[in-house]
């Protein structure tokens, strides 16, 4: 990366961390978007610094990433990242005109997320080997993800001091370090209690992990990848063909609430969505569910 880019990117990184309070994963994603642009400029022998980049440069960059086979969704994500970077440069008076202002994102359409039926959730939890300590822990993890609609980062960061069993709530630290209270159902609560009493007490703790709920056998916090691996293995074992991830449980949580008639604002609060429009996708999903049900069961269909 050219030196003038490097200093601006370092400043942007500090801005995202200190001013925006973003997680390390989010910061990494934003920096990766800028890095893609610098790669293109090096590839095209364009030695332009961030303050000299024009709208035409950015449009040519989009053509280049299209040629690399990047999907419209990935391109839209990069455009969003670049807009954030140039907003920062504008804020810092490094530039006087934002070249991304008229840059259009590729049309992506709204893709409905994959979710599991209640029967599929039961099938997944049903294949867990509860005779092992890891099995008891994994059952608790799945029930918390499905019962509370948590992001995978919120599950791995869940703290014992944020479990309020008597009130029936857990406190979750979400995106941008924003805290929210999520109701804890009896099934998820029982599984956490069993895990804490029967499994976690026997694990030798690594320093700094005393307050973390879910631990690996060495006494350290689980990684996001580890939870992804656990879910993939269970899906294979349960014979579920859908391409699922930890986020599928969050989608399933929201979908089943909306299908059951839950208020959309309440679902928004529980998921920790900044905007109601993000939550509204579950109403579209619900309509799709209703449509397929009518087609399947109505005599005139």
C-alpha atoms as a PDB file:
ATOM      1  CA  UNK A   1       0.000   0.000   0.000  1.00  0.00           C
ATOM      2  CA  UNK A   2       1.364   3.431  -0.972  1.00  0.00           C
ATOM      3  CA  UNK A   3       2.509   5.617   1.946  1.00  0.00           C
ATOM      4  CA  UNK A   4      -0.146   8.359   1.551  1.00  0.00           C
ATOM      5  CA  UNK A   5      -2.863   5.661   1.552  1.00  0.00           C
ATOM      6  CA  UNK A   6      -1.331   3.992   4.607  1.00  0.00           C
ATOM      7  CA  UNK A   7      -1.479   7.091   6.828  1.00  0.00           C
ATOM      8  CA  UNK A   8      -5.110   7.813   5.887  1.00  0.00           C
ATOM      9  CA  UNK A   9      -6.139   4.179   6.371  1.00  0.00           C
ATOM     10  CA  UNK A  10      -4.456   4.128   9.802  1.00  0.00           C
ATOM     11  CA  UNK A  11      -6.398   7.272  10.734  1.00  0.00           C
ATOM     12  CA  UNK A  12      -9.623   5.691   9.465  1.00  0.00           C
ATOM     13  CA  UNK A  13      -8.930   2.575  11.542  1.00  0.00           C
ATOM     14  CA  UNK A  14      -8.563   4.675  14.706  1.00  0.00           C
ATOM     15  CA  UNK A  15     -11.747   6.601  13.799  1.00  0.00           C
ATOM     16  CA  UNK A  16     -13.761   3.366  13.437  1.00  0.00           C
ATOM     17  CA  UNK A  17     -12.415   2.001  16.713  1.00  0.00           C
ATOM     18  CA  UNK A  18     -12.627   5.106  18.896  1.00  0.00           C
ATOM     19  CA  UNK A  19     -15.403   7.227  17.364  1.00  0.00           C
ATOM     20  CA  UNK A  20     -17.669   4.517  15.956  1.00  0.00           C
ATOM     21  CA  UNK A  21     -16.881   1.844  18.615  1.00  0.00           C
ATOM     22  CA  UNK A  22     -17.015  -0.888  15.969  1.00  0.00           C
ATOM     23  CA  UNK A  23     -15.953  -4.475  16.617  1.00  0.00           C
ATOM     24  CA  UNK A  24     -12.619  -5.761  15.278  1.00  0.00           C
ATOM     25  CA  UNK A  25     -14.479  -7.857  12.680  1.00  0.00           C
ATOM     26  CA  UNK A  26     -16.392  -4.832  11.348  1.00  0.00           C
ATOM     27  CA  UNK A  27     -13.229  -2.693  11.253  1.00  0.00           C
ATOM     28  CA  UNK A  28     -11.410  -5.451   9.351  1.00  0.00           C
ATOM     29  CA  UNK A  29     -14.254  -5.586   6.791  1.00  0.00           C
ATOM     30  CA  UNK A  30     -14.167  -1.797   6.211  1.00  0.00           C
ATOM     31  CA  UNK A  31     -10.371  -1.769   5.820  1.00  0.00           C
ATOM     32  CA  UNK A  32     -10.578  -4.711   3.413  1.00  0.00           C
ATOM     33  CA  UNK A  33     -12.891  -2.640   1.160  1.00  0.00           C
ATOM     34  CA  UNK A  34     -10.326   0.172   0.966  1.00  0.00           C
ATOM     35  CA  UNK A  35      -7.535  -2.362   0.403  1.00  0.00           C
ATOM     36  CA  UNK A  36      -9.400  -3.708  -2.660  1.00  0.00           C
ATOM     37  CA  UNK A  37      -9.344  -0.209  -4.193  1.00  0.00           C
ATOM     38  CA  UNK A  38      -5.608   0.217  -3.539  1.00  0.00           C
ATOM     39  CA  UNK A  39      -4.996  -3.209  -5.135  1.00  0.00           C
ATOM     40  CA  UNK A  40      -6.833  -2.049  -8.261  1.00  0.00           C
ATOM     41  CA  UNK A  41      -4.885   1.229  -8.414  1.00  0.00           C
ATOM     42  CA  UNK A  42      -1.586  -0.677  -8.162  1.00  0.00           C
ATOM     43  CA  UNK A  43      -2.763  -3.207 -10.770  1.00  0.00           C
ATOM     44  CA  UNK A  44      -3.768  -0.431 -13.200  1.00  0.00           C
ATOM     45  CA  UNK A  45      -0.494   1.475 -12.512  1.00  0.00           C
ATOM     46  CA  UNK A  46      -2.578   4.390 -11.261  1.00  0.00           C
ATOM     47  CA  UNK A  47      -0.474   5.986  -8.517  1.00  0.00           C
ATOM     48  CA  UNK A  48      -3.356   8.222  -7.422  1.00  0.00           C
ATOM     49  CA  UNK A  49      -3.648   8.984  -3.705  1.00  0.00           C
ATOM     50  CA  UNK A  50      -7.028   8.900  -1.917  1.00  0.00           C
ATOM     51  CA  UNK A  51      -7.490  12.657  -2.335  1.00  0.00           C
ATOM     52  CA  UNK A  52      -6.972  12.443  -6.143  1.00  0.00           C
ATOM     53  CA  UNK A  53      -9.366   9.519  -6.784  1.00  0.00           C
ATOM     54  CA  UNK A  54     -12.212  10.518  -9.124  1.00  0.00           C
ATOM     55  CA  UNK A  55     -15.686   9.102  -9.766  1.00  0.00           C
ATOM     56  CA  UNK A  56     -14.340   7.719 -13.089  1.00  0.00           C
ATOM     57  CA  UNK A  57     -11.554   5.857 -11.203  1.00  0.00           C
ATOM     58  CA  UNK A  58     -14.167   4.307  -8.920  1.00  0.00           C
ATOM     59  CA  UNK A  59     -16.419   3.312 -11.829  1.00  0.00           C
ATOM     60  CA  UNK A  60     -13.436   1.639 -13.541  1.00  0.00           C
ATOM     61  CA  UNK A  61     -12.670  -0.099 -10.232  1.00  0.00           C
ATOM     62  CA  UNK A  62     -16.227  -1.502 -10.146  1.00  0.00           C
ATOM     63  CA  UNK A  63     -15.783  -2.826 -13.707  1.00  0.00           C
ATOM     64  CA  UNK A  64     -12.549  -4.492 -12.568  1.00  0.00           C
ATOM     65  CA  UNK A  65     -14.109  -6.281  -9.584  1.00  0.00           C
ATOM     66  CA  UNK A  66     -17.022  -7.349 -11.811  1.00  0.00           C
ATOM     67  CA  UNK A  67     -14.442  -8.915 -14.127  1.00  0.00           C
ATOM     68  CA  UNK A  68     -13.000 -10.787 -11.159  1.00  0.00           C
ATOM     69  CA  UNK A  69     -16.371 -12.508 -10.797  1.00  0.00           C
ATOM     70  CA  UNK A  70     -17.420 -10.680  -7.636  1.00  0.00           C
ATOM     71  CA  UNK A  71     -21.155 -10.903  -6.910  1.00  0.00           C
ATOM     72  CA  UNK A  72     -23.437  -7.841  -6.856  1.00  0.00           C
ATOM     73  CA  UNK A  73     -23.844  -8.271  -3.077  1.00  0.00           C
ATOM     74  CA  UNK A  74     -20.056  -8.228  -2.518  1.00  0.00           C
ATOM     75  CA  UNK A  75     -19.707  -5.203  -4.822  1.00  0.00           C
ATOM     76  CA  UNK A  76     -22.447  -3.330  -2.930  1.00  0.00           C
ATOM     77  CA  UNK A  77     -20.655  -4.131   0.336  1.00  0.00           C
ATOM     78  CA  UNK A  78     -17.372  -2.684  -1.043  1.00  0.00           C
ATOM     79  CA  UNK A  79     -19.115   0.470  -2.349  1.00  0.00           C
ATOM     80  CA  UNK A  80     -20.641   0.957   1.107  1.00  0.00           C
ATOM     81  CA  UNK A  81     -17.179   0.572   2.690  1.00  0.00           C
ATOM     82  CA  UNK A  82     -15.599   3.091   0.300  1.00  0.00           C
ATOM     83  CA  UNK A  83     -18.398   5.600   0.968  1.00  0.00           C
ATOM     84  CA  UNK A  84     -17.620   5.281   4.696  1.00  0.00           C
ATOM     85  CA  UNK A  85     -13.903   5.878   4.071  1.00  0.00           C
ATOM     86  CA  UNK A  86     -14.519   8.995   1.969  1.00  0.00           C
ATOM     87  CA  UNK A  87     -17.039  10.354   4.478  1.00  0.00           C
ATOM     88  CA  UNK A  88     -14.227  10.114   7.052  1.00  0.00           C
ATOM     89  CA  UNK A  89     -11.786  11.964   4.733  1.00  0.00           C
ATOM     90  CA  UNK A  90     -14.425  14.675   4.219  1.00  0.00           C
ATOM     91  CA  UNK A  91     -14.990  14.938   7.975  1.00  0.00           C
ATOM     92  CA  UNK A  92     -11.244  15.355   8.548  1.00  0.00           C
ATOM     93  CA  UNK A  93     -11.018  18.015   5.786  1.00  0.00           C
ATOM     94  CA  UNK A  94      -8.536  15.838   3.885  1.00  0.00           C
ATOM     95  CA  UNK A  95     -10.767  16.166   0.811  1.00  0.00           C
ATOM     96  CA  UNK A  96     -13.243  18.884  -0.173  1.00  0.00           C
ATOM     97  CA  UNK A  97     -15.323  16.787  -2.604  1.00  0.00           C
ATOM     98  CA  UNK A  98     -16.517  13.212  -2.097  1.00  0.00           C
ATOM     99  CA  UNK A  99     -15.936  11.111  -5.274  1.00  0.00           C
ATOM    100  CA  UNK A 100     -18.271   8.365  -3.989  1.00  0.00           C
ATOM    101  CA  UNK A 101     -21.261  10.731  -3.777  1.00  0.00           C
ATOM    102  CA  UNK A 102     -22.588   9.779  -7.245  1.00  0.00           C
ATOM    103  CA  UNK A 103     -21.216   6.218  -7.207  1.00  0.00           C
ATOM    104  CA  UNK A 104     -24.095   3.793  -7.642  1.00  0.00           C
ATOM    105  CA  UNK A 105     -24.222   0.419  -5.942  1.00  0.00           C
ATOM    106  CA  UNK A 106     -25.110  -2.622  -8.051  1.00  0.00           C
ATOM    107  CA  UNK A 107     -28.726  -3.717  -7.608  1.00  0.00           C
ATOM    108  CA  UNK A 108     -28.719  -6.784  -5.386  1.00  0.00           C
ATOM    109  CA  UNK A 109     -32.390  -7.509  -4.743  1.00  0.00           C
ATOM    110  CA  UNK A 110     -33.544  -8.648  -1.324  1.00  0.00           C
ATOM    111  CA  UNK A 111     -32.651 -12.244  -0.638  1.00  0.00           C
ATOM    112  CA  UNK A 112     -34.700 -14.019   1.998  1.00  0.00           C
ATOM    113  CA  UNK A 113     -32.490 -15.659   4.617  1.00  0.00           C
ATOM    114  CA  UNK A 114     -32.352 -19.412   5.172  1.00  0.00           C
ATOM    115  CA  UNK A 115     -34.190 -20.488   8.320  1.00  0.00           C
ATOM    116  CA  UNK A 116     -34.996 -23.779  10.018  1.00  0.00           C
ATOM    117  CA  UNK A 117     -38.415 -25.131  10.922  1.00  0.00           C
ATOM    118  CA  UNK A 118     -39.132 -26.058  14.542  1.00  0.00           C
ATOM    119  CA  UNK A 119     -38.849 -29.734  13.505  1.00  0.00           C
ATOM    120  CA  UNK A 120     -35.393 -29.093  12.006  1.00  0.00           C
ATOM    121  CA  UNK A 121     -34.254 -27.252  15.154  1.00  0.00           C
ATOM    122  CA  UNK A 122     -35.414 -30.252  17.215  1.00  0.00           C
ATOM    123  CA  UNK A 123     -33.629 -32.638  14.820  1.00  0.00           C
ATOM    124  CA  UNK A 124     -30.381 -30.680  15.231  1.00  0.00           C
ATOM    125  CA  UNK A 125     -30.508 -30.578  19.021  1.00  0.00           C
ATOM    126  CA  UNK A 126     -31.682 -34.222  19.036  1.00  0.00           C
ATOM    127  CA  UNK A 127     -28.440 -35.556  17.508  1.00  0.00           C
ATOM    128  CA  UNK A 128     -26.214 -33.958  20.154  1.00  0.00           C
ATOM    129  CA  UNK A 129     -24.406 -36.535  22.315  1.00  0.00           C
ATOM    130  CA  UNK A 130     -25.388 -35.392  25.814  1.00  0.00           C
ATOM    131  CA  UNK A 131     -23.153 -37.986  27.475  1.00  0.00           C
ATOM    132  CA  UNK A 132     -20.112 -35.753  26.785  1.00  0.00           C
ATOM    133  CA  UNK A 133     -19.216 -32.393  28.384  1.00  0.00           C
ATOM    134  CA  UNK A 134     -18.943 -30.809  24.899  1.00  0.00           C
ATOM    135  CA  UNK A 135     -22.403 -32.146  24.017  1.00  0.00           C
ATOM    136  CA  UNK A 136     -23.980 -30.512  27.080  1.00  0.00           C
ATOM    137  CA  UNK A 137     -22.219 -27.252  26.219  1.00  0.00           C
ATOM    138  CA  UNK A 138     -23.273 -27.423  22.539  1.00  0.00           C
ATOM    139  CA  UNK A 139     -26.907 -28.044  23.503  1.00  0.00           C
ATOM    140  CA  UNK A 140     -26.827 -24.925  25.699  1.00  0.00           C
ATOM    141  CA  UNK A 141     -25.223 -22.880  22.878  1.00  0.00           C
ATOM    142  CA  UNK A 142     -27.858 -23.921  20.326  1.00  0.00           C
ATOM    143  CA  UNK A 143     -30.757 -23.291  22.699  1.00  0.00           C
ATOM    144  CA  UNK A 144     -29.407 -19.811  23.530  1.00  0.00           C
ATOM    145  CA  UNK A 145     -28.891 -18.946  19.850  1.00  0.00           C
ATOM    146  CA  UNK A 146     -32.377 -20.102  18.902  1.00  0.00           C
ATOM    147  CA  UNK A 147     -34.117 -19.009  22.134  1.00  0.00           C
ATOM    148  CA  UNK A 148     -32.592 -15.511  22.223  1.00  0.00           C
ATOM    149  CA  UNK A 149     -31.697 -14.789  18.572  1.00  0.00           C
ATOM    150  CA  UNK A 150     -28.078 -13.924  19.363  1.00  0.00           C
ATOM    151  CA  UNK A 151     -25.324 -13.182  16.859  1.00  0.00           C
ATOM    152  CA  UNK A 152     -22.417 -15.648  17.027  1.00  0.00           C
ATOM    153  CA  UNK A 153     -20.121 -12.893  18.410  1.00  0.00           C
ATOM    154  CA  UNK A 154     -22.676 -12.264  21.184  1.00  0.00           C
ATOM    155  CA  UNK A 155     -22.732 -15.973  22.078  1.00  0.00           C
ATOM    156  CA  UNK A 156     -18.944 -16.307  22.361  1.00  0.00           C
ATOM    157  CA  UNK A 157     -18.791 -13.061  24.378  1.00  0.00           C
ATOM    158  CA  UNK A 158     -21.675 -13.931  26.739  1.00  0.00           C
ATOM    159  CA  UNK A 159     -20.736 -13.309  30.395  1.00  0.00           C
ATOM    160  CA  UNK A 160     -21.913 -15.007  33.596  1.00  0.00           C
ATOM    161  CA  UNK A 161     -22.417 -11.582  35.227  1.00  0.00           C
ATOM    162  CA  UNK A 162     -24.875 -10.741  32.415  1.00  0.00           C
ATOM    163  CA  UNK A 163     -27.169 -13.695  33.173  1.00  0.00           C
ATOM    164  CA  UNK A 164     -30.195 -12.589  35.207  1.00  0.00           C
ATOM    165  CA  UNK A 165     -31.962 -15.888  35.807  1.00  0.00           C
ATOM    166  CA  UNK A 166     -34.378 -14.627  38.487  1.00  0.00           C
ATOM    167  CA  UNK A 167     -35.587 -11.841  36.159  1.00  0.00           C
ATOM    168  CA  UNK A 168     -35.575 -14.133  33.092  1.00  0.00           C
ATOM    169  CA  UNK A 169     -33.240 -11.923  31.015  1.00  0.00           C
ATOM    170  CA  UNK A 170     -29.706 -11.888  29.664  1.00  0.00           C
ATOM    171  CA  UNK A 171     -27.727  -8.741  28.900  1.00  0.00           C
ATOM    172  CA  UNK A 172     -26.098  -8.860  25.484  1.00  0.00           C
ATOM    173  CA  UNK A 173     -23.294  -6.669  24.138  1.00  0.00           C
ATOM    174  CA  UNK A 174     -24.031  -6.266  20.431  1.00  0.00           C
ATOM    175  CA  UNK A 175     -22.636  -4.264  17.498  1.00  0.00           C
ATOM    176  CA  UNK A 176     -20.936  -1.004  18.441  1.00  0.00           C
ATOM    177  CA  UNK A 177     -20.787  -2.178  22.083  1.00  0.00           C
ATOM    178  CA  UNK A 178     -24.525  -1.485  22.411  1.00  0.00           C
ATOM    179  CA  UNK A 179     -26.162  -3.354  25.281  1.00  0.00           C
ATOM    180  CA  UNK A 180     -29.653  -4.817  25.181  1.00  0.00           C
ATOM    181  CA  UNK A 181     -31.755  -7.038  27.422  1.00  0.00           C
ATOM    182  CA  UNK A 182     -33.147 -10.207  25.812  1.00  0.00           C
ATOM    183  CA  UNK A 183     -35.792 -12.436  27.442  1.00  0.00           C
ATOM    184  CA  UNK A 184     -34.468 -15.887  28.371  1.00  0.00           C
ATOM    185  CA  UNK A 185     -36.923 -18.760  27.921  1.00  0.00           C
ATOM    186  CA  UNK A 186     -37.100 -21.729  30.306  1.00  0.00           C
ATOM    187  CA  UNK A 187     -35.509 -24.235  27.855  1.00  0.00           C
ATOM    188  CA  UNK A 188     -32.442 -22.057  27.192  1.00  0.00           C
ATOM    189  CA  UNK A 189     -32.194 -21.149  30.891  1.00  0.00           C
ATOM    190  CA  UNK A 190     -32.258 -24.804  32.007  1.00  0.00           C
ATOM    191  CA  UNK A 191     -29.580 -25.762  29.477  1.00  0.00           C
ATOM    192  CA  UNK A 192     -27.282 -22.927  30.623  1.00  0.00           C
ATOM    193  CA  UNK A 193     -27.795 -23.861  34.295  1.00  0.00           C
ATOM    194  CA  UNK A 194     -27.028 -27.553  33.598  1.00  0.00           C
ATOM    195  CA  UNK A 195     -23.913 -26.603  31.640  1.00  0.00           C
ATOM    196  CA  UNK A 196     -22.659 -24.193  34.319  1.00  0.00           C
ATOM    197  CA  UNK A 197     -23.215 -26.705  37.131  1.00  0.00           C
ATOM    198  CA  UNK A 198     -22.251 -29.979  35.465  1.00  0.00           C
ATOM    199  CA  UNK A 199     -19.582 -29.017  32.927  1.00  0.00           C
ATOM    200  CA  UNK A 200     -18.067 -25.582  33.390  1.00  0.00           C
ATOM    201  CA  UNK A 201     -17.191 -26.090  37.067  1.00  0.00           C
ATOM    202  CA  UNK A 202     -14.806 -28.904  36.024  1.00  0.00           C
ATOM    203  CA  UNK A 203     -12.891 -26.860  33.421  1.00  0.00           C
ATOM    204  CA  UNK A 204      -9.527 -25.313  34.439  1.00  0.00           C
ATOM    205  CA  UNK A 205      -9.936 -21.608  33.578  1.00  0.00           C
ATOM    206  CA  UNK A 206      -7.401 -19.677  31.505  1.00  0.00           C
ATOM    207  CA  UNK A 207      -6.623 -16.138  32.776  1.00  0.00           C
ATOM    208  CA  UNK A 208      -9.195 -13.573  31.622  1.00  0.00           C
ATOM    209  CA  UNK A 209     -11.920 -16.161  30.988  1.00  0.00           C
ATOM    210  CA  UNK A 210     -13.422 -16.323  34.495  1.00  0.00           C
ATOM    211  CA  UNK A 211     -16.619 -14.520  33.455  1.00  0.00           C
ATOM    212  CA  UNK A 212     -17.085 -16.088  29.997  1.00  0.00           C
ATOM    213  CA  UNK A 213     -20.018 -18.538  29.847  1.00  0.00           C
ATOM    214  CA  UNK A 214     -19.014 -20.918  27.049  1.00  0.00           C
ATOM    215  CA  UNK A 215     -15.490 -22.346  27.172  1.00  0.00           C
ATOM    216  CA  UNK A 216     -13.469 -24.923  25.263  1.00  0.00           C
ATOM    217  CA  UNK A 217     -11.929 -27.854  27.155  1.00  0.00           C
ATOM    218  CA  UNK A 218      -8.763 -25.813  27.781  1.00  0.00           C
ATOM    219  CA  UNK A 219     -10.747 -23.110  29.611  1.00  0.00           C
ATOM    220  CA  UNK A 220     -10.644 -20.428  26.905  1.00  0.00           C
ATOM    221  CA  UNK A 221     -13.375 -18.544  25.064  1.00  0.00           C
ATOM    222  CA  UNK A 222     -14.735 -20.319  21.993  1.00  0.00           C
ATOM    223  CA  UNK A 223     -14.050 -18.868  18.557  1.00  0.00           C
ATOM    224  CA  UNK A 224     -16.754 -17.991  16.025  1.00  0.00           C
ATOM    225  CA  UNK A 225     -15.253 -20.586  13.664  1.00  0.00           C
ATOM    226  CA  UNK A 226     -15.595 -23.282  16.337  1.00  0.00           C
ATOM    227  CA  UNK A 227     -19.341 -22.627  16.661  1.00  0.00           C
ATOM    228  CA  UNK A 228     -19.674 -22.670  12.863  1.00  0.00           C
ATOM    229  CA  UNK A 229     -17.888 -26.070  12.786  1.00  0.00           C
ATOM    230  CA  UNK A 230     -20.110 -27.485  15.552  1.00  0.00           C
ATOM    231  CA  UNK A 231     -23.293 -26.479  13.672  1.00  0.00           C
ATOM    232  CA  UNK A 232     -22.087 -27.834  10.315  1.00  0.00           C
ATOM    233  CA  UNK A 233     -21.234 -31.206  11.916  1.00  0.00           C
ATOM    234  CA  UNK A 234     -24.635 -31.428  13.638  1.00  0.00           C
ATOM    235  CA  UNK A 235     -26.477 -30.515  10.408  1.00  0.00           C
ATOM    236  CA  UNK A 236     -24.693 -33.343   8.572  1.00  0.00           C
ATOM    237  CA  UNK A 237     -25.517 -35.755  11.401  1.00  0.00           C
ATOM    238  CA  UNK A 238     -29.194 -34.683  11.408  1.00  0.00           C
ATOM    239  CA  UNK A 239     -29.425 -35.005   7.603  1.00  0.00           C
ATOM    240  CA  UNK A 240     -30.267 -31.325   7.081  1.00  0.00           C
ATOM    241  CA  UNK A 241     -29.316 -30.300   3.534  1.00  0.00           C
ATOM    242  CA  UNK A 242     -29.812 -26.532   3.941  1.00  0.00           C
ATOM    243  CA  UNK A 243     -26.658 -24.419   3.917  1.00  0.00           C
ATOM    244  CA  UNK A 244     -26.793 -23.271   7.532  1.00  0.00           C
ATOM    245  CA  UNK A 245     -24.555 -21.209   9.793  1.00  0.00           C
ATOM    246  CA  UNK A 246     -24.813 -19.796  13.343  1.00  0.00           C
ATOM    247  CA  UNK A 247     -26.807 -16.876  11.868  1.00  0.00           C
ATOM    248  CA  UNK A 248     -29.482 -19.339  10.676  1.00  0.00           C
ATOM    249  CA  UNK A 249     -30.601 -19.724  14.309  1.00  0.00           C
ATOM    250  CA  UNK A 250     -31.031 -15.948  14.578  1.00  0.00           C
ATOM    251  CA  UNK A 251     -33.121 -15.967  11.380  1.00  0.00           C
ATOM    252  CA  UNK A 252     -35.167 -18.898  12.708  1.00  0.00           C
ATOM    253  CA  UNK A 253     -35.761 -17.114  16.040  1.00  0.00           C
ATOM    254  CA  UNK A 254     -37.063 -13.984  14.249  1.00  0.00           C
ATOM    255  CA  UNK A 255     -39.082 -15.892  11.629  1.00  0.00           C
ATOM    256  CA  UNK A 256     -40.887 -18.022  14.213  1.00  0.00           C
ATOM    257  CA  UNK A 257     -41.692 -14.929  16.306  1.00  0.00           C
ATOM    258  CA  UNK A 258     -43.153 -13.063  13.309  1.00  0.00           C
ATOM    259  CA  UNK A 259     -45.069 -16.168  12.183  1.00  0.00           C
ATOM    260  CA  UNK A 260     -46.504 -16.381  15.698  1.00  0.00           C
ATOM    261  CA  UNK A 261     -47.733 -12.769  15.502  1.00  0.00           C
ATOM    262  CA  UNK A 262     -45.043 -10.970  17.524  1.00  0.00           C
ATOM    263  CA  UNK A 263     -44.902  -7.172  17.253  1.00  0.00           C
ATOM    264  CA  UNK A 264     -42.186  -6.121  14.789  1.00  0.00           C
ATOM    265  CA  UNK A 265     -40.818  -3.418  17.123  1.00  0.00           C
ATOM    266  CA  UNK A 266     -40.407  -6.005  19.885  1.00  0.00           C
ATOM    267  CA  UNK A 267     -38.536  -8.317  17.479  1.00  0.00           C
ATOM    268  CA  UNK A 268     -36.352  -5.355  16.429  1.00  0.00           C
ATOM    269  CA  UNK A 269     -35.438  -4.680  20.078  1.00  0.00           C
ATOM    270  CA  UNK A 270     -34.638  -8.327  20.772  1.00  0.00           C
ATOM    271  CA  UNK A 271     -32.434  -8.632  17.686  1.00  0.00           C
ATOM    272  CA  UNK A 272     -30.703  -5.306  18.376  1.00  0.00           C
ATOM    273  CA  UNK A 273     -31.426  -3.972  14.874  1.00  0.00           C
ATOM    274  CA  UNK A 274     -30.604  -0.288  14.418  1.00  0.00           C
ATOM    275  CA  UNK A 275     -33.352   0.116  11.814  1.00  0.00           C
ATOM    276  CA  UNK A 276     -36.829  -1.409  11.588  1.00  0.00           C
ATOM    277  CA  UNK A 277     -36.251  -1.949   7.828  1.00  0.00           C
ATOM    278  CA  UNK A 278     -33.682  -4.651   8.671  1.00  0.00           C
ATOM    279  CA  UNK A 279     -36.300  -6.442  10.769  1.00  0.00           C
ATOM    280  CA  UNK A 280     -38.952  -6.043   8.059  1.00  0.00           C
ATOM    281  CA  UNK A 281     -37.318  -8.767   5.968  1.00  0.00           C
ATOM    282  CA  UNK A 282     -38.989 -11.249   8.328  1.00  0.00           C
ATOM    283  CA  UNK A 283     -42.420  -9.938   7.339  1.00  0.00           C
ATOM    284  CA  UNK A 284     -41.522 -10.658   3.693  1.00  0.00           C
ATOM    285  CA  UNK A 285     -40.364 -14.087   4.760  1.00  0.00           C
ATOM    286  CA  UNK A 286     -43.612 -14.572   6.664  1.00  0.00           C
ATOM    287  CA  UNK A 287     -45.617 -13.633   3.554  1.00  0.00           C
ATOM    288  CA  UNK A 288     -43.613 -16.151   1.533  1.00  0.00           C
ATOM    289  CA  UNK A 289     -44.350 -18.773   4.183  1.00  0.00           C
ATOM    290  CA  UNK A 290     -48.075 -17.930   4.071  1.00  0.00           C
ATOM    291  CA  UNK A 291     -48.120 -18.059   0.275  1.00  0.00           C
ATOM    292  CA  UNK A 292     -46.446 -21.500   0.142  1.00  0.00           C
ATOM    293  CA  UNK A 293     -48.836 -22.768   2.844  1.00  0.00           C
ATOM    294  CA  UNK A 294     -51.906 -21.572   0.889  1.00  0.00           C
ATOM    295  CA  UNK A 295     -50.618 -23.109  -2.351  1.00  0.00           C
ATOM    296  CA  UNK A 296     -49.937 -26.384  -0.560  1.00  0.00           C
ATOM    297  CA  UNK A 297     -53.223 -26.712   1.330  1.00  0.00           C
ATOM    298  CA  UNK A 298     -55.908 -24.671  -0.463  1.00  0.00           C
ATOM    299  CA  UNK A 299     -58.268 -26.806  -2.640  1.00  0.00           C
ATOM    300  CA  UNK A 300     -58.273 -24.199  -5.424  1.00  0.00           C
ATOM    301  CA  UNK A 301     -54.472 -24.088  -5.661  1.00  0.00           C
END
